[in-house]
């Protein structure tokens, strides 16, 4: 009787080889992640040092005993100085806004990123066709300057009008009228002590309306002065 052939070992399924390769790759991947996630305390300390000092915090000096601790104590007595000044200024502007509204003068605070616009309607600030403020409006301008000065931000004073033609001999156009209104307010800010290098004046006349010049109410909205504050 012929001997039975020795049974051959079963071949490994093809999917198992692929599965083993996948597991090896996953293991390598997680080992790599672990190595990347291991933070050097010294390097971490140096990063915190740079960020803290650049944002106005206290200077941090390298100390070996500090690096041996698991928690790195940080102090930020002067952190985010511009953010604090911006907050202080915004609160002051809202306070002035309420004062103006009580006096029947429309005012708005508009924030967009680091730019703050303080918008004042000029109907009760300037006589029609004139760039000289009403006497009763002058204290509000000086009060605004005093509240804005501690923040020390750059301020651009913009004059705007509606599209009604100017009927005076002194000013040939609304563009000229708006420019002189902004310039006169700038001069008052200088008298108040606001640094000259942080001030500028512009006149746009009727060319940057915030409402259509189709009704008396909308035209009144366009007659305004805006204080554009760069808090960046």
Protein backbone atom coordinates (compact mmCIF):
# COMPACT_ATOMS: atom_id res chain seq x y z
CA UNK A 1 0.00 0.00 0.00
CA UNK A 2 1.40 3.35 -1.01
CA UNK A 3 2.27 5.72 1.76
CA UNK A 4 0.12 8.76 2.12
CA UNK A 5 1.84 11.92 1.12
CA UNK A 6 2.84 14.05 4.02
CA UNK A 7 0.26 16.78 4.44
CA UNK A 8 1.60 20.20 3.52
CA UNK A 9 1.20 23.15 5.90
CA UNK A 10 -1.70 25.41 5.07
CA UNK A 11 -0.74 28.66 3.45
CA UNK A 12 -1.28 31.87 5.42
CA UNK A 13 -4.26 33.85 4.13
CA UNK A 14 -3.27 36.89 2.08
CA UNK A 15 -5.35 39.27 4.17
CA UNK A 16 -3.38 38.35 7.29
CA UNK A 17 -0.12 39.54 5.75
CA UNK A 18 -1.69 42.89 4.89
CA UNK A 19 -3.18 43.12 8.38
CA UNK A 20 0.24 42.51 9.94
CA UNK A 21 1.79 45.27 7.82
CA UNK A 22 -0.99 47.62 8.85
CA UNK A 23 -0.43 46.90 12.54
CA UNK A 24 3.30 47.53 12.14
CA UNK A 25 2.64 50.86 10.48
CA UNK A 26 0.15 51.86 13.18
CA UNK A 27 2.63 50.96 15.90
CA UNK A 28 5.33 53.05 14.20
CA UNK A 29 2.88 55.93 13.83
CA UNK A 30 1.92 55.93 17.52
CA UNK A 31 5.54 55.71 18.60
CA UNK A 32 6.25 58.75 16.43
CA UNK A 33 3.30 60.62 17.95
CA UNK A 34 4.50 59.78 21.44
CA UNK A 35 8.01 61.03 20.70
CA UNK A 36 6.61 64.27 19.29
CA UNK A 37 4.32 64.69 22.27
CA UNK A 38 7.17 64.52 24.75
CA UNK A 39 7.79 68.19 25.61
CA UNK A 40 11.12 69.44 26.82
CA UNK A 41 10.38 71.57 29.88
CA UNK A 42 13.35 73.77 29.08
CA UNK A 43 12.09 74.48 25.54
CA UNK A 44 8.57 75.04 26.86
CA UNK A 45 9.95 77.51 29.39
CA UNK A 46 11.77 79.42 26.66
CA UNK A 47 8.61 79.65 24.53
CA UNK A 48 6.58 80.96 27.48
CA UNK A 49 9.37 83.43 28.23
CA UNK A 50 9.30 84.85 24.71
CA UNK A 51 5.50 85.10 24.51
CA UNK A 52 5.19 86.65 27.97
CA UNK A 53 7.82 89.34 27.38
CA UNK A 54 6.50 90.22 23.90
CA UNK A 55 3.01 90.78 25.30
CA UNK A 56 4.21 93.08 28.04
CA UNK A 57 4.56 90.61 30.92
CA UNK A 58 7.45 90.52 33.34
CA UNK A 59 10.85 89.26 32.21
CA UNK A 60 11.44 85.58 33.02
CA UNK A 61 14.94 84.36 33.78
CA UNK A 62 16.13 80.79 33.33
CA UNK A 63 16.46 79.05 36.67
CA UNK A 64 17.41 75.38 37.01
CA UNK A 65 15.29 74.87 40.09
CA UNK A 66 12.32 76.29 38.21
CA UNK A 67 12.83 73.83 35.37
CA UNK A 68 12.78 70.92 37.79
CA UNK A 69 9.23 71.77 38.84
CA UNK A 70 6.23 70.25 37.12
CA UNK A 71 4.36 73.58 37.13
CA UNK A 72 5.92 76.77 35.82
CA UNK A 73 4.52 79.77 37.78
CA UNK A 74 3.86 82.82 35.61
CA UNK A 75 2.96 86.36 36.57
CA UNK A 76 1.35 88.83 34.19
CA UNK A 77 1.08 92.17 36.00
CA UNK A 78 1.25 94.16 32.75
CA UNK A 79 -0.17 91.63 30.31
CA UNK A 80 -2.01 92.85 27.22
CA UNK A 81 -1.47 96.60 27.80
CA UNK A 82 -3.12 97.60 24.51
CA UNK A 83 -6.15 95.43 25.22
CA UNK A 84 -6.54 97.10 28.60
CA UNK A 85 -6.23 100.57 27.04
CA UNK A 86 -8.74 99.64 24.36
CA UNK A 87 -11.23 98.43 26.95
CA UNK A 88 -10.75 101.60 29.00
CA UNK A 89 -11.24 103.76 25.91
CA UNK A 90 -14.35 101.88 24.79
CA UNK A 91 -15.95 102.32 28.20
CA UNK A 92 -15.14 106.05 28.11
CA UNK A 93 -16.68 106.41 24.63
CA UNK A 94 -19.90 104.74 25.72
CA UNK A 95 -20.01 107.09 28.69
CA UNK A 96 -19.65 110.13 26.41
CA UNK A 97 -22.25 108.66 24.05
CA UNK A 98 -24.79 108.63 26.88
CA UNK A 99 -23.96 112.25 27.78
CA UNK A 100 -24.45 113.35 24.18
CA UNK A 101 -27.75 111.49 23.87
CA UNK A 102 -29.03 113.18 27.03
CA UNK A 103 -28.19 116.48 25.33
CA UNK A 104 -30.12 115.42 22.22
CA UNK A 105 -27.00 114.72 20.11
CA UNK A 106 -26.90 111.44 18.21
CA UNK A 107 -23.67 109.47 18.76
CA UNK A 108 -22.63 105.89 18.03
CA UNK A 109 -19.71 103.63 18.94
CA UNK A 110 -18.84 101.20 16.15
CA UNK A 111 -16.16 98.52 16.58
CA UNK A 112 -14.63 96.48 13.80
CA UNK A 113 -11.57 94.49 14.81
CA UNK A 114 -8.96 96.87 16.20
CA UNK A 115 -10.70 99.93 14.70
CA UNK A 116 -13.16 101.92 16.82
CA UNK A 117 -15.34 104.62 15.22
CA UNK A 118 -16.99 107.25 17.38
CA UNK A 119 -19.64 108.87 15.20
CA UNK A 120 -21.29 112.18 16.13
CA UNK A 121 -24.09 113.89 14.25
CA UNK A 122 -23.06 117.49 13.51
CA UNK A 123 -26.47 119.21 13.40
CA UNK A 124 -26.00 120.43 16.99
CA UNK A 125 -22.23 120.72 16.73
CA UNK A 126 -21.89 123.11 13.76
CA UNK A 127 -24.18 125.75 12.25
CA UNK A 128 -25.23 124.99 8.65
CA UNK A 129 -22.42 125.87 6.23
CA UNK A 130 -19.98 126.68 9.07
CA UNK A 131 -16.86 124.93 10.36
CA UNK A 132 -16.91 126.77 13.71
CA UNK A 133 -18.56 124.67 16.45
CA UNK A 134 -21.46 126.00 18.50
CA UNK A 135 -20.19 127.34 21.86
CA UNK A 136 -22.25 124.72 23.71
CA UNK A 137 -20.62 121.92 21.66
CA UNK A 138 -17.05 122.88 22.55
CA UNK A 139 -17.09 121.36 26.09
CA UNK A 140 -18.13 118.00 24.61
CA UNK A 141 -15.17 118.07 22.21
CA UNK A 142 -12.71 118.82 25.02
CA UNK A 143 -14.32 116.17 27.22
CA UNK A 144 -13.93 113.65 24.40
CA UNK A 145 -10.26 114.56 24.05
CA UNK A 146 -9.60 114.20 27.78
CA UNK A 147 -11.21 110.76 27.82
CA UNK A 148 -9.34 109.56 24.72
CA UNK A 149 -5.91 110.97 25.60
CA UNK A 150 -4.86 108.41 28.28
CA UNK A 151 -5.24 105.53 25.81
CA UNK A 152 -2.73 107.17 23.44
CA UNK A 153 -4.05 105.67 20.21
CA UNK A 154 -3.84 107.18 16.73
CA UNK A 155 -7.00 109.15 15.89
CA UNK A 156 -8.16 110.25 12.44
CA UNK A 157 -10.89 112.89 12.56
CA UNK A 158 -13.17 112.64 9.54
CA UNK A 159 -15.66 115.26 8.38
CA UNK A 160 -18.73 114.20 6.36
CA UNK A 161 -21.69 116.10 4.90
CA UNK A 162 -24.83 115.37 2.92
CA UNK A 163 -25.16 116.28 -0.77
CA UNK A 164 -26.91 119.62 -0.25
CA UNK A 165 -24.79 122.33 -1.98
CA UNK A 166 -23.01 124.77 0.31
CA UNK A 167 -24.54 128.28 0.20
CA UNK A 168 -21.70 130.29 1.74
CA UNK A 169 -18.85 132.29 0.21
CA UNK A 170 -16.29 130.95 2.66
CA UNK A 171 -16.47 127.34 1.47
CA UNK A 172 -16.71 126.44 -2.18
CA UNK A 173 -17.83 122.84 -1.64
CA UNK A 174 -18.98 120.31 0.93
CA UNK A 175 -15.59 118.67 0.63
CA UNK A 176 -13.88 121.85 1.80
CA UNK A 177 -16.44 122.40 4.56
CA UNK A 178 -16.01 118.87 5.92
CA UNK A 179 -12.22 119.19 5.85
CA UNK A 180 -12.26 122.44 7.84
CA UNK A 181 -14.66 120.98 10.40
CA UNK A 182 -12.30 118.05 10.98
CA UNK A 183 -9.31 120.39 11.11
CA UNK A 184 -10.94 122.69 13.69
CA UNK A 185 -11.69 119.72 15.94
CA UNK A 186 -8.09 118.57 15.52
CA UNK A 187 -6.87 121.99 16.65
CA UNK A 188 -9.04 121.71 19.76
CA UNK A 189 -7.53 118.29 20.49
CA UNK A 190 -4.07 119.86 20.26
CA UNK A 191 -5.17 122.56 22.73
CA UNK A 192 -6.35 119.76 25.00
CA UNK A 193 -2.87 118.22 24.88
CA UNK A 194 -3.40 115.26 22.58
CA UNK A 195 -0.03 114.36 20.96
CA UNK A 196 0.18 115.84 17.47
CA UNK A 197 1.89 112.76 16.02
CA UNK A 198 -1.21 110.69 16.79
CA UNK A 199 -3.69 113.02 15.06
CA UNK A 200 -4.86 113.48 11.48
CA UNK A 201 -7.83 115.20 9.84
CA UNK A 202 -9.70 114.31 6.66
CA UNK A 203 -12.69 115.70 4.81
CA UNK A 204 -14.87 113.49 2.64
CA UNK A 205 -17.79 115.80 1.96
CA UNK A 206 -20.79 113.86 0.61
CA UNK A 207 -18.72 111.06 -0.90
CA UNK A 208 -18.95 108.52 1.94
CA UNK A 209 -22.61 108.50 2.96
CA UNK A 210 -23.95 105.99 5.48
CA UNK A 211 -27.51 106.44 4.17
CA UNK A 212 -29.07 107.47 0.84
CA UNK A 213 -29.45 111.23 0.46
CA UNK A 214 -33.11 110.85 -0.49
CA UNK A 215 -34.94 112.06 2.64
CA UNK A 216 -34.29 114.74 5.27
CA UNK A 217 -33.81 112.03 7.90
CA UNK A 218 -31.21 110.19 5.83
CA UNK A 219 -29.39 113.40 4.93
CA UNK A 220 -29.16 114.20 8.65
CA UNK A 221 -27.44 110.83 9.23
CA UNK A 222 -24.76 111.75 6.69
CA UNK A 223 -23.94 115.06 8.39
CA UNK A 224 -21.44 113.76 10.89
CA UNK A 225 -17.92 113.74 12.30
CA UNK A 226 -16.19 110.43 12.92
CA UNK A 227 -13.25 109.75 15.21
CA UNK A 228 -11.45 106.72 13.79
CA UNK A 229 -9.28 105.16 16.48
CA UNK A 230 -6.67 102.56 15.61
CA UNK A 231 -6.30 100.36 18.69
CA UNK A 232 -3.97 97.80 17.05
